[in-house]
Amino acid sequence: MNGRRYRIIPCTAEVLVSLCKPGPPRLLQVTENPLPEDAQVVRATYSAERDIVLVVIESESFKPVNEGDVIPWLPSPVLSATPLIVENP
C-alpha cells in the first residue's frame, strides 16, 4: 500500500472560539482521544453541511489510505482546561 497516512478530525466552532478567548492563563490537557506525537496538519476546511472544521492530519502510525478511498475520521480529542495559579514566593 502506497497511500497517504491521513485521518480527519472534526473541530467545532465552539472549541475554536474557546481556545481564542481572553482570560486567565489555562493549562490545556488532552483527556481523551489524543493524537499521535508525530501528527502533522495537512490541511483544514470548513464543512457548512456539518458546521465544523475538518482537519486532515498525517501520522506514520496511521494505516495508509489509497488515492480515491475515503479518509477515515478520528474522534475529536477532548480537552480539559485548568486555570494556572501563580503564587508569589
Protein backbone atom coordinates (compact mmCIF):
# COMPACT_ATOMS: atom_id res chain seq x y z
CA MET A 1 0.00 0.00 0.00
CA ASN A 2 1.47 3.33 -1.06
CA GLY A 3 -1.32 5.64 0.13
CA ARG A 4 -1.11 8.64 2.43
CA ARG A 5 -1.34 8.13 6.16
CA TYR A 6 -4.21 10.58 6.64
CA ARG A 7 -7.06 10.86 9.10
CA ILE A 8 -9.71 13.56 9.65
CA ILE A 9 -10.58 15.09 12.99
CA PRO A 10 -13.65 17.30 13.37
CA CYS A 11 -13.37 20.57 15.29
CA THR A 12 -16.44 22.58 16.30
CA ALA A 13 -16.59 26.37 16.21
CA GLU A 14 -17.16 26.35 19.97
CA VAL A 15 -13.80 24.67 20.54
CA LEU A 16 -12.00 27.10 18.25
CA VAL A 17 -13.59 30.14 19.91
CA SER A 18 -12.91 28.86 23.44
CA LEU A 19 -9.22 28.48 22.60
CA CYS A 20 -9.03 32.09 21.39
CA LYS A 21 -10.91 33.86 24.20
CA PRO A 22 -9.03 36.05 26.65
CA GLY A 23 -8.95 35.14 30.30
CA PRO A 24 -6.63 33.78 32.91
CA PRO A 25 -3.87 31.50 31.64
CA ARG A 26 -5.05 27.93 31.30
CA LEU A 27 -3.34 24.60 31.05
CA LEU A 28 -4.98 22.55 28.31
CA GLN A 29 -4.71 18.81 28.63
CA VAL A 30 -5.98 16.13 26.27
CA THR A 31 -8.06 13.82 28.42
CA GLU A 32 -9.47 11.57 25.67
CA ASN A 33 -8.58 10.62 22.10
CA PRO A 34 -5.05 12.04 21.92
CA LEU A 35 -3.38 12.39 18.53
CA PRO A 36 -0.10 10.62 17.80
CA GLU A 37 3.06 12.50 18.78
CA ASP A 38 4.09 12.88 15.13
CA ALA A 39 0.69 14.18 13.89
CA GLN A 40 1.03 16.98 11.35
CA VAL A 41 -1.71 19.18 9.88
CA VAL A 42 -2.06 18.62 6.15
CA ARG A 43 -4.99 20.99 5.59
CA ALA A 44 -8.22 22.21 7.11
CA THR A 45 -11.54 23.01 5.50
CA TYR A 46 -14.92 24.20 6.70
CA SER A 47 -17.92 21.92 6.23
CA ALA A 48 -21.04 24.10 6.02
CA GLU A 49 -23.17 20.96 5.92
CA ARG A 50 -21.87 19.85 9.33
CA ASP A 51 -20.92 23.33 10.64
CA ILE A 52 -17.46 22.12 11.68
CA VAL A 53 -13.86 22.50 10.61
CA LEU A 54 -12.39 19.28 9.25
CA VAL A 55 -8.68 18.97 9.94
CA VAL A 56 -6.71 16.46 7.87
CA ILE A 57 -3.70 15.13 9.78
CA GLU A 58 -0.92 12.74 8.85
CA SER A 59 0.97 10.31 11.05
CA GLU A 60 3.26 7.35 10.44
CA SER A 61 1.13 5.40 12.93
CA PHE A 62 -1.94 5.50 10.63
CA LYS A 63 -2.55 2.81 8.06
CA PRO A 64 -2.20 4.17 4.51
CA VAL A 65 -5.29 5.35 2.60
CA ASN A 66 -5.17 4.75 -1.14
CA GLU A 67 -5.98 7.50 -3.60
CA GLY A 68 -9.72 7.64 -4.20
CA ASP A 69 -10.59 5.99 -0.86
CA VAL A 70 -12.47 7.86 1.85
CA ILE A 71 -10.18 9.23 4.58
CA PRO A 72 -11.26 7.76 7.95
CA TRP A 73 -12.41 10.05 10.74
CA LEU A 74 -10.96 10.02 14.24
CA PRO A 75 -12.90 11.02 17.34
CA SER A 76 -12.20 14.59 18.40
CA PRO A 77 -9.56 14.94 21.12
CA VAL A 78 -11.22 16.01 24.37
CA LEU A 79 -9.54 18.94 26.11
CA SER A 80 -9.86 19.98 29.72
CA ALA A 81 -8.78 23.45 30.80
CA THR A 82 -7.29 24.04 34.22
CA PRO A 83 -6.64 27.63 35.33
CA LEU A 84 -2.98 28.25 36.12
CA ILE A 85 -2.44 29.72 39.56
CA VAL A 86 0.78 31.61 40.07
CA GLU A 87 1.74 32.10 43.68
CA ASN A 88 4.16 34.75 44.82
CA PRO A 89 7.05 33.28 46.81
